[in-house]
C-alpha atoms as a PDB file:
ATOM      1  CA  MET A   1      78.172 120.222 115.055  1.00  0.00           C
ATOM      2  CA  SER A   2      75.474 117.990 113.568  1.00  0.00           C
ATOM      3  CA  SER A   3      76.039 114.290 112.881  1.00  0.00           C
ATOM      4  CA  SER A   4      76.115 114.895 109.115  1.00  0.00           C
ATOM      5  CA  ASP A   5      78.636 117.722 109.549  1.00  0.00           C
ATOM      6  CA  ALA A   6      80.815 115.461 111.690  1.00  0.00           C
ATOM      7  CA  ILE A   7      80.721 112.693 109.070  1.00  0.00           C
ATOM      8  CA  GLN A   8      81.639 115.200 106.368  1.00  0.00           C
ATOM      9  CA  SER A   9      84.552 116.546 108.412  1.00  0.00           C
ATOM     10  CA  VAL A  10      85.849 113.066 109.177  1.00  0.00           C
ATOM     11  CA  SER A  11      85.409 112.056 105.512  1.00  0.00           C
ATOM     12  CA  ASN A  12      87.551 115.004 104.412  1.00  0.00           C
ATOM     13  CA  PHE A  13      90.143 113.911 106.963  1.00  0.00           C
ATOM     14  CA  LEU A  14      90.211 110.400 105.474  1.00  0.00           C
ATOM     15  CA  LEU A  15      90.454 111.690 101.900  1.00  0.00           C
ATOM     16  CA  ASP A  16      93.662 113.524 102.855  1.00  0.00           C
ATOM     17  CA  ALA A  17      95.366 110.455 104.344  1.00  0.00           C
ATOM     18  CA  PRO A  18      99.022 110.162 103.211  1.00  0.00           C
ATOM     19  CA  PRO A  19     100.219 107.087 101.271  1.00  0.00           C
ATOM     20  CA  GLY A  20     100.284 103.902 103.301  1.00  0.00           C
ATOM     21  CA  GLU A  21      98.701 105.562 106.334  1.00  0.00           C
ATOM     22  CA  LEU A  22      94.962 105.097 105.771  1.00  0.00           C
ATOM     23  CA  GLN A  23      94.660 102.351 108.392  1.00  0.00           C
ATOM     24  CA  ASP A  24      96.364 104.591 110.957  1.00  0.00           C
ATOM     25  CA  VAL A  25      93.964 107.410 110.115  1.00  0.00           C
ATOM     26  CA  ILE A  26      90.968 105.051 110.384  1.00  0.00           C
ATOM     27  CA  SER A  27      92.184 103.929 113.833  1.00  0.00           C
ATOM     28  CA  ASP A  28      92.534 107.552 114.945  1.00  0.00           C
ATOM     29  CA  VAL A  29      89.062 108.370 113.632  1.00  0.00           C
ATOM     30  CA  LYS A  30      87.558 105.414 115.494  1.00  0.00           C
ATOM     31  CA  ALA A  31      89.238 106.602 118.676  1.00  0.00           C
ATOM     32  CA  LEU A  32      87.689 110.041 118.203  1.00  0.00           C
ATOM     33  CA  ILE A  33      84.152 109.077 117.209  1.00  0.00           C
ATOM     34  CA  GLY A  34      83.916 105.665 118.841  1.00  0.00           C
ATOM     35  CA  ASP A  35      84.120 102.308 117.125  1.00  0.00           C
ATOM     36  CA  ASP A  36      80.458 102.405 116.170  1.00  0.00           C
ATOM     37  CA  ALA A  37      79.719 100.140 113.185  1.00  0.00           C
ATOM     38  CA  SER A  38      76.869 102.368 112.015  1.00  0.00           C
ATOM     39  CA  VAL A  39      79.104 105.459 112.078  1.00  0.00           C
ATOM     40  CA  VAL A  40      82.012 103.689 110.367  1.00  0.00           C
ATOM     41  CA  ALA A  41      79.608 102.501 107.657  1.00  0.00           C
ATOM     42  CA  GLU A  42      78.811 106.128 106.848  1.00  0.00           C
ATOM     43  CA  LEU A  43      82.473 106.649 106.050  1.00  0.00           C
ATOM     44  CA  ASN A  44      82.474 103.996 103.312  1.00  0.00           C
ATOM     45  CA  PRO A  45      81.775 106.478 100.465  1.00  0.00           C
ATOM     46  CA  ALA A  46      84.851 108.498 101.451  1.00  0.00           C
ATOM     47  CA  LEU A  47      86.977 105.366 101.766  1.00  0.00           C
ATOM     48  CA  GLU A  48      85.849 104.146  98.340  1.00  0.00           C
ATOM     49  CA  LYS A  49      86.625 107.534  96.805  1.00  0.00           C
ATOM     50  CA  TYR A  50      90.060 107.547  98.451  1.00  0.00           C
ATOM     51  CA  ASN A  51      90.998 104.036  97.351  1.00  0.00           C
ATOM     52  CA  LYS A  52      90.010 104.630  93.729  1.00  0.00           C
ATOM     53  CA  ALA A  53      91.648 108.054  93.479  1.00  0.00           C
ATOM     54  CA  GLN A  54      94.871 106.755  95.061  1.00  0.00           C
ATOM     55  CA  LEU A  55      95.002 103.719  92.734  1.00  0.00           C
ATOM     56  CA  ILE A  56      95.244 101.444  95.747  1.00  0.00           C
ATOM     57  CA  SER A  57      96.763  98.094  94.824  1.00  0.00           C
ATOM     58  CA  THR A  58      95.795  94.751  96.305  1.00  0.00           C
ATOM     59  CA  LEU A  59      96.925  91.154  96.047  1.00  0.00           C
ATOM     60  CA  LEU A  60      94.251  88.780  94.809  1.00  0.00           C
ATOM     61  CA  PRO A  61      93.760  85.652  96.941  1.00  0.00           C
ATOM     62  CA  GLY A  62      96.043  82.998  95.480  1.00  0.00           C
ATOM     63  CA  GLY A  63      97.669  85.551  93.167  1.00  0.00           C
ATOM     64  CA  ASP A  64     101.254  86.782  92.967  1.00  0.00           C
ATOM     65  CA  ARG A  65     100.745  90.181  91.316  1.00  0.00           C
ATOM     66  CA  LEU A  66      99.256  93.379  92.683  1.00  0.00           C
ATOM     67  CA  VAL A  67      96.166  94.685  90.881  1.00  0.00           C
ATOM     68  CA  ILE A  68      94.712  98.184  90.929  1.00  0.00           C
ATOM     69  CA  VAL A  69      91.472  99.540  92.343  1.00  0.00           C
ATOM     70  CA  SER A  70      90.329 102.608  90.379  1.00  0.00           C
ATOM     71  CA  ASP A  71      87.457 104.325  88.620  1.00  0.00           C
ATOM     72  CA  TYR A  72      88.718 102.825  85.359  1.00  0.00           C
ATOM     73  CA  ASN A  73      88.090  99.183  86.277  1.00  0.00           C
ATOM     74  CA  ASP A  74      85.065  99.675  88.530  1.00  0.00           C
ATOM     75  CA  LEU A  75      82.235  97.247  87.700  1.00  0.00           C
ATOM     76  CA  GLY A  76      79.910  98.677  90.346  1.00  0.00           C
ATOM     77  CA  GLY A  77      78.518  96.905  93.376  1.00  0.00           C
ATOM     78  CA  GLY A  78      81.929  96.870  95.043  1.00  0.00           C
ATOM     79  CA  ARG A  79      83.565  94.802  92.293  1.00  0.00           C
ATOM     80  CA  PHE A  80      86.523  95.555  90.043  1.00  0.00           C
ATOM     81  CA  TYR A  81      88.257  93.700  87.222  1.00  0.00           C
ATOM     82  CA  ASP A  82      91.790  93.016  86.070  1.00  0.00           C
ATOM     83  CA  VAL A  83      92.442  92.457  82.375  1.00  0.00           C
ATOM     84  CA  GLU A  84      95.732  90.578  82.682  1.00  0.00           C
ATOM     85  CA  SER A  85      94.499  87.937  85.126  1.00  0.00           C
ATOM     86  CA  LYS A  86      91.098  87.785  83.389  1.00  0.00           C
ATOM     87  CA  SER A  87      89.328  88.071  86.707  1.00  0.00           C
ATOM     88  CA  SER A  88      87.004  90.270  88.715  1.00  0.00           C
ATOM     89  CA  PHE A  89      87.060  90.671  92.479  1.00  0.00           C
ATOM     90  CA  ALA A  90      85.183  92.202  95.378  1.00  0.00           C
ATOM     91  CA  PHE A  91      87.044  94.791  97.450  1.00  0.00           C
ATOM     92  CA  ASP A  92      86.647  95.816 101.090  1.00  0.00           C
ATOM     93  CA  HIS A  93      87.371  99.549 101.178  1.00  0.00           C
ATOM     94  CA  VAL A  94      87.970  99.574 104.931  1.00  0.00           C
ATOM     95  CA  SER A  95      90.512  96.736 105.146  1.00  0.00           C
ATOM     96  CA  GLN A  96      91.725  97.326 101.556  1.00  0.00           C
ATOM     97  CA  LYS A  97      91.565  93.587 100.868  1.00  0.00           C
ATOM     98  CA  ALA A  98      90.282  91.735  97.784  1.00  0.00           C
ATOM     99  CA  PHE A  99      88.080  88.641  97.951  1.00  0.00           C
ATOM    100  CA  ASP A 100      85.589  86.597  95.935  1.00  0.00           C
ATOM    101  CA  VAL A 101      87.651  86.338  92.753  1.00  0.00           C
ATOM    102  CA  GLN A 102      85.710  85.305  89.648  1.00  0.00           C
ATOM    103  CA  SER A 103      86.514  84.809  85.985  1.00  0.00           C
ATOM    104  CA  TYR A 104      86.107  87.917  83.816  1.00  0.00           C
ATOM    105  CA  ILE A 105      86.668  88.308  80.074  1.00  0.00           C
ATOM    106  CA  LEU A 106      87.060  91.817  78.707  1.00  0.00           C
ATOM    107  CA  GLU A 107      84.752  92.825  75.885  1.00  0.00           C
ATOM    108  CA  SER A 108      86.060  95.809  73.936  1.00  0.00           C
ATOM    109  CA  LYS A 109      86.658  96.776  70.344  1.00  0.00           C
ATOM    110  CA  ASN A 110      90.177  97.742  71.490  1.00  0.00           C
ATOM    111  CA  ALA A 111      90.810  94.448  73.301  1.00  0.00           C
ATOM    112  CA  GLU A 112      93.777  93.519  71.084  1.00  0.00           C
ATOM    113  CA  LEU A 113      95.471  96.889  71.582  1.00  0.00           C
ATOM    114  CA  ILE A 114      94.792  96.743  75.338  1.00  0.00           C
ATOM    115  CA  THR A 115      96.494  93.343  75.520  1.00  0.00           C
ATOM    116  CA  SER A 116      99.492  94.673  73.562  1.00  0.00           C
ATOM    117  CA  LEU A 117      99.750  97.727  75.822  1.00  0.00           C
ATOM    118  CA  LEU A 118      99.755  95.489  78.895  1.00  0.00           C
ATOM    119  CA  LYS A 119     102.590  93.390  77.458  1.00  0.00           C
ATOM    120  CA  SER A 120     104.647  96.504  76.673  1.00  0.00           C
ATOM    121  CA  LEU A 121     103.856  98.213  79.973  1.00  0.00           C
ATOM    122  CA  GLY A 122     104.986  95.278  82.116  1.00  0.00           C
ATOM    123  CA  PRO A 123     108.758  95.559  81.429  1.00  0.00           C
ATOM    124  CA  HIS A 124     108.632  99.349  81.867  1.00  0.00           C
ATOM    125  CA  VAL A 125     107.023  98.997  85.299  1.00  0.00           C
ATOM    126  CA  SER A 126     109.409  96.213  86.347  1.00  0.00           C
ATOM    127  CA  GLU A 127     112.435  98.326  85.405  1.00  0.00           C
ATOM    128  CA  HIS A 128     111.399 101.691  86.836  1.00  0.00           C
ATOM    129  CA  TYR A 129     109.074 100.849  89.742  1.00  0.00           C
ATOM    130  CA  PRO A 130     111.089  98.619  92.073  1.00  0.00           C
ATOM    131  CA  SER A 131     108.814  98.785  95.115  1.00  0.00           C
ATOM    132  CA  LEU A 132     105.181  97.569  95.267  1.00  0.00           C
ATOM    133  CA  PRO A 133     104.241  98.473  91.673  1.00  0.00           C
ATOM    134  CA  ALA A 134     100.920  97.805  90.006  1.00  0.00           C
ATOM    135  CA  TYR A 135      99.554  98.699  86.595  1.00  0.00           C
ATOM    136  CA  GLY A 136      96.484  98.226  84.468  1.00  0.00           C
ATOM    137  CA  VAL A 137      95.057  99.037  81.034  1.00  0.00           C
ATOM    138  CA  TYR A 138      91.305  99.499  80.600  1.00  0.00           C
ATOM    139  CA  PRO A 139      88.841 100.729  77.978  1.00  0.00           C
ATOM    140  CA  SER A 140      86.883 103.898  78.694  1.00  0.00           C
ATOM    141  CA  SER A 141      83.185 103.575  79.475  1.00  0.00           C
ATOM    142  CA  GLU A 142      82.417 104.668  75.898  1.00  0.00           C
ATOM    143  CA  ASP A 143      85.046 102.230  74.551  1.00  0.00           C
ATOM    144  CA  THR A 144      86.607 105.027  72.495  1.00  0.00           C
ATOM    145  CA  THR A 145      89.781 105.668  74.498  1.00  0.00           C
ATOM    146  CA  ILE A 146      92.107 103.552  76.634  1.00  0.00           C
ATOM    147  CA  ALA A 147      93.277 104.276  80.180  1.00  0.00           C
ATOM    148  CA  LEU A 148      96.771 103.250  81.308  1.00  0.00           C
ATOM    149  CA  VAL A 149      97.420 103.551  85.033  1.00  0.00           C
ATOM    150  CA  ILE A 150     100.582 102.879  87.028  1.00  0.00           C
ATOM    151  CA  THR A 151     101.252 103.170  90.729  1.00  0.00           C
ATOM    152  CA  GLY A 152     104.459 102.704  92.667  1.00  0.00           C
ATOM    153  CA  ASN A 153     104.522 102.717  96.473  1.00  0.00           C
ATOM    154  CA  LYS A 154     107.359 102.910  98.976  1.00  0.00           C
ATOM    155  CA  TYR A 155     106.492 102.623 102.656  1.00  0.00           C
ATOM    156  CA  SER A 156     109.161 103.150 105.313  1.00  0.00           C
ATOM    157  CA  PRO A 157     107.339 103.862 108.587  1.00  0.00           C
ATOM    158  CA  ALA A 158     110.419 102.842 110.597  1.00  0.00           C
ATOM    159  CA  ASN A 159     112.149 105.845 109.002  1.00  0.00           C
ATOM    160  CA  TYR A 160     109.032 108.043 109.260  1.00  0.00           C
ATOM    161  CA  TRP A 161     108.248 108.433 105.580  1.00  0.00           C
ATOM    162  CA  ASN A 162     105.938 106.974 102.920  1.00  0.00           C
ATOM    163  CA  GLY A 163     105.461 107.793  99.252  1.00  0.00           C
ATOM    164  CA  ARG A 164     103.383 107.054  96.185  1.00  0.00           C
ATOM    165  CA  TRP A 165     103.829 107.764  92.452  1.00  0.00           C
ATOM    166  CA  ARG A 166     100.745 107.638  90.246  1.00  0.00           C
ATOM    167  CA  SER A 167     100.682 107.879  86.458  1.00  0.00           C
ATOM    168  CA  ILE A 168      97.294 108.139  84.741  1.00  0.00           C
ATOM    169  CA  TYR A 169      97.163 108.299  80.936  1.00  0.00           C
ATOM    170  CA  THR A 170      94.445 108.332  78.299  1.00  0.00           C
ATOM    171  CA  PHE A 171      95.312 107.128  74.807  1.00  0.00           C
ATOM    172  CA  ASP A 172      93.036 107.824  71.862  1.00  0.00           C
ATOM    173  CA  PRO A 173      93.600 105.217  69.108  1.00  0.00           C
ATOM    174  CA  ALA A 174      91.727 107.382  66.584  1.00  0.00           C
ATOM    175  CA  SER A 175      94.111 110.339  66.898  1.00  0.00           C
ATOM    176  CA  ASN A 176      97.166 108.694  68.520  1.00  0.00           C
ATOM    177  CA  ALA A 177      96.984 111.384  71.227  1.00  0.00           C
ATOM    178  CA  LEU A 178      98.290 110.646  74.712  1.00  0.00           C
ATOM    179  CA  SER A 179      97.290 112.793  77.671  1.00  0.00           C
ATOM    180  CA  GLY A 180      97.330 112.401  81.414  1.00  0.00           C
ATOM    181  CA  GLU A 181      98.928 113.287  84.725  1.00  0.00           C
ATOM    182  CA  ILE A 182     101.819 112.203  86.917  1.00  0.00           C
ATOM    183  CA  LYS A 183     101.164 112.614  90.644  1.00  0.00           C
ATOM    184  CA  VAL A 184     103.750 112.312  93.394  1.00  0.00           C
ATOM    185  CA  ASP A 185     102.823 112.236  97.090  1.00  0.00           C
ATOM    186  CA  VAL A 186     105.527 111.878  99.774  1.00  0.00           C
ATOM    187  CA  HIS A 187     104.994 112.266 103.526  1.00  0.00           C
ATOM    188  CA  TYR A 188     107.897 112.735 105.956  1.00  0.00           C
ATOM    189  CA  TYR A 189     107.007 112.946 109.629  1.00  0.00           C
ATOM    190  CA  GLU A 190     110.076 112.545 111.838  1.00  0.00           C
ATOM    191  CA  ASP A 191     110.233 115.465 114.304  1.00  0.00           C
ATOM    192  CA  GLY A 192     107.812 117.350 112.069  1.00  0.00           C
ATOM    193  CA  ASN A 193     105.273 116.928 109.325  1.00  0.00           C
ATOM    194  CA  VAL A 194     106.335 117.616 105.740  1.00  0.00           C
ATOM    195  CA  ARG A 195     104.397 116.541 102.670  1.00  0.00           C
ATOM    196  CA  LEU A 196     105.254 116.869  98.991  1.00  0.00           C
ATOM    197  CA  LEU A 197     102.322 116.880  96.556  1.00  0.00           C
ATOM    198  CA  THR A 198     102.941 117.443  92.851  1.00  0.00           C
ATOM    199  CA  THR A 199     100.890 117.054  89.674  1.00  0.00           C
ATOM    200  CA  HIS A 200     102.384 117.187  86.183  1.00  0.00           C
ATOM    201  CA  ALA A 201     100.229 117.236  83.029  1.00  0.00           C
ATOM    202  CA  ILE A 202     101.159 115.222  79.930  1.00  0.00           C
ATOM    203  CA  GLU A 203     100.107 116.042  76.341  1.00  0.00           C
ATOM    204  CA  GLU A 204     101.804 114.202  73.489  1.00  0.00           C
ATOM    205  CA  GLU A 205     101.093 113.242  69.896  1.00  0.00           C
ATOM    206  CA  ILE A 206     102.446 109.801  69.005  1.00  0.00           C
ATOM    207  CA  SER A 207     103.492 108.981  65.463  1.00  0.00           C
ATOM    208  CA  SER A 208     101.704 105.641  65.495  1.00  0.00           C
ATOM    209  CA  GLY A 209      99.203 103.698  67.554  1.00  0.00           C
ATOM    210  CA  ASN A 210     101.732 100.949  68.148  1.00  0.00           C
ATOM    211  CA  ALA A 211     101.727  99.796  71.797  1.00  0.00           C
ATOM    212  CA  ALA A 212     105.519  99.897  72.028  1.00  0.00           C
ATOM    213  CA  ASP A 213     105.570 103.525  70.831  1.00  0.00           C
ATOM    214  CA  VAL A 214     102.959 104.491  73.414  1.00  0.00           C
ATOM    215  CA  VAL A 215     104.952 102.943  76.261  1.00  0.00           C
ATOM    216  CA  ARG A 216     108.229 104.434  74.987  1.00  0.00           C
ATOM    217  CA  THR A 217     106.581 107.850  75.092  1.00  0.00           C
ATOM    218  CA  ILE A 218     105.360 107.219  78.635  1.00  0.00           C
ATOM    219  CA  ALA A 219     108.855 106.117  79.695  1.00  0.00           C
ATOM    220  CA  ARG A 220     110.400 109.251  78.194  1.00  0.00           C
ATOM    221  CA  LYS A 221     107.902 111.634  79.799  1.00  0.00           C
ATOM    222  CA  GLU A 222     108.273 109.991  83.208  1.00  0.00           C
ATOM    223  CA  LYS A 223     112.067 110.139  82.991  1.00  0.00           C
ATOM    224  CA  GLU A 224     111.910 113.841  82.063  1.00  0.00           C
ATOM    225  CA  TYR A 225     109.637 114.605  84.984  1.00  0.00           C
ATOM    226  CA  GLN A 226     111.756 112.668  87.471  1.00  0.00           C
ATOM    227  CA  GLU A 227     114.852 114.562  86.308  1.00  0.00           C
ATOM    228  CA  ASN A 228     112.950 117.851  86.690  1.00  0.00           C
ATOM    229  CA  LEU A 229     111.985 116.876  90.231  1.00  0.00           C
ATOM    230  CA  ASN A 230     115.601 116.045  91.065  1.00  0.00           C
ATOM    231  CA  ASP A 231     116.739 119.425  89.702  1.00  0.00           C
ATOM    232  CA  ALA A 232     114.009 121.190  91.681  1.00  0.00           C
ATOM    233  CA  PHE A 233     115.167 119.545  94.927  1.00  0.00           C
ATOM    234  CA  VAL A 234     118.734 120.673  94.314  1.00  0.00           C
ATOM    235  CA  GLN A 235     117.559 124.233  93.660  1.00  0.00           C
ATOM    236  CA  LEU A 236     115.455 124.199  96.808  1.00  0.00           C
ATOM    237  CA  SER A 237     118.375 122.929  98.868  1.00  0.00           C
ATOM    238  CA  GLU A 238     120.774 125.495  97.443  1.00  0.00           C
ATOM    239  CA  GLY A 239     118.292 128.368  97.306  1.00  0.00           C
ATOM    240  CA  ALA A 240     115.017 128.572  99.167  1.00  0.00           C
ATOM    241  CA  PHE A 241     115.978 126.264 102.037  1.00  0.00           C
ATOM    242  CA  LYS A 242     119.228 128.136 102.659  1.00  0.00           C
ATOM    243  CA  SER A 243     117.337 131.421 102.848  1.00  0.00           C
ATOM    244  CA  LEU A 244     115.143 129.966 105.583  1.00  0.00           C
ATOM    245  CA  ARG A 245     117.963 128.846 107.869  1.00  0.00           C
ATOM    246  CA  ARG A 246     121.737 129.184 107.961  1.00  0.00           C
ATOM    247  CA  GLN A 247     123.641 125.936 107.694  1.00  0.00           C
ATOM    248  CA  LEU A 248     126.343 127.445 109.939  1.00  0.00           C
ATOM    249  CA  PRO A 249     126.288 130.270 112.525  1.00  0.00           C
ATOM    250  CA  ILE A 250     127.583 133.714 111.569  1.00  0.00           C
ATOM    251  CA  THR A 251     131.028 132.633 112.816  1.00  0.00           C
ATOM    252  CA  ARG A 252     130.992 130.028 110.002  1.00  0.00           C
ATOM    253  CA  GLN A 253     131.967 127.422 112.593  1.00  0.00           C
ATOM    254  CA  LYS A 254     129.817 124.599 113.879  1.00  0.00           C
ATOM    255  CA  ILE A 255     128.911 124.687 117.546  1.00  0.00           C
ATOM    256  CA  ASP A 256     130.582 122.033 119.692  1.00  0.00           C
ATOM    257  CA  TRP A 257     127.502 120.784 121.503  1.00  0.00           C
ATOM    258  CA  ASP A 258     129.624 118.635 123.857  1.00  0.00           C
ATOM    259  CA  LYS A 259     131.178 121.807 125.274  1.00  0.00           C
ATOM    260  CA  ILE A 260     128.170 124.077 125.142  1.00  0.00           C
ATOM    261  CA  GLY A 261     127.082 123.065 128.656  1.00  0.00           C
ATOM    262  CA  SER A 262     130.357 124.384 130.130  1.00  0.00           C
ATOM    263  CA  TYR A 263     129.843 127.892 128.737  1.00  0.00           C
ATOM    264  CA  ARG A 264     128.656 130.643 131.066  1.00  0.00           C
ATOM    265  CA  LEU A 265     125.590 131.593 129.081  1.00  0.00           C
ATOM    266  CA  GLY A 266     125.794 135.090 127.629  1.00  0.00           C
ATOM    267  CA  GLN A 267     129.397 135.680 128.648  1.00  0.00           C
ATOM    268  CA  GLN A 268     131.647 133.064 127.115  1.00  0.00           C
ATOM    269  CA  VAL A 269     129.374 132.703 124.108  1.00  0.00           C
ATOM    270  CA  GLY A 270     129.664 136.469 123.697  1.00  0.00           C
ATOM    271  CA  LEU A 271     125.983 137.326 123.481  1.00  0.00           C
ATOM    272  CA  PHE A 272     126.128 139.850 126.297  1.00  0.00           C
ATOM    273  CA  PRO A 273     128.909 142.071 127.680  1.00  0.00           C
ATOM    274  CA  THR A 274     130.788 140.931 130.782  1.00  0.00           C
ATOM    275  CA  HIS A 275     130.501 143.215 133.822  1.00  0.00           C
ATOM    276  CA  GLU A 276     133.445 143.057 136.239  1.00  0.00           C
ATOM    277  CA  HIS A 277     132.888 144.121 139.857  1.00  0.00           C
ATOM    278  CA  SER A 278     135.601 145.513 142.075  1.00  0.00           C
END
């Protein structure tokens, strides 16, 4: 395999890292390819793509609120901006840390609506995203539409699972149309390796361009999708999962594992006939 092929393979590996586990994957990659600074540098494009696609959140130095790293607030040159704190910051895609915070004032014809959306979005996020939430509202590059992004993370490595919820919406003030996607990614890896990946599309016409109406619509759509996910899990548990494995043996009785060692295998359990000898 050529060097470029190896970098591409490793990059694909990084792009598939589960929530909260990128640093572990980077450590594994370094162990495989060697902790060569020149090689690691070639992985930066993949790491940048991963961080922006995953809406990685970071705490600004001296700040008390997580801010998002994404394509929507990318200033180029490794810098991003946050509307609410009126600041821009540099971001290290390997360590996932922010630094070099500077003042930044948003210039947009929709600046007033963006500010109103941020104020309305805050209480929604606080109420429904209890663990490591971050959100942002940004104008599109053409300044015709507005992006609203939310991420909620829950990391529990001690219990062998991590998860991330991402909501990405586009609001068009000219038509009052809201569109976007909800993405859920959960990784469970105790005595196995199970990963849930879902994407749910949103298309909604809003009666007005009022910020509160936009956020109410988002809250309703997210609640509907969460309820659908809950129903789907129940159906899986009662249907598909049961068809894969019986919850109880054919006898309908649980095995007493404390006594199983005293059985004469095949005879007392009844798997094979007993042959008596005279």
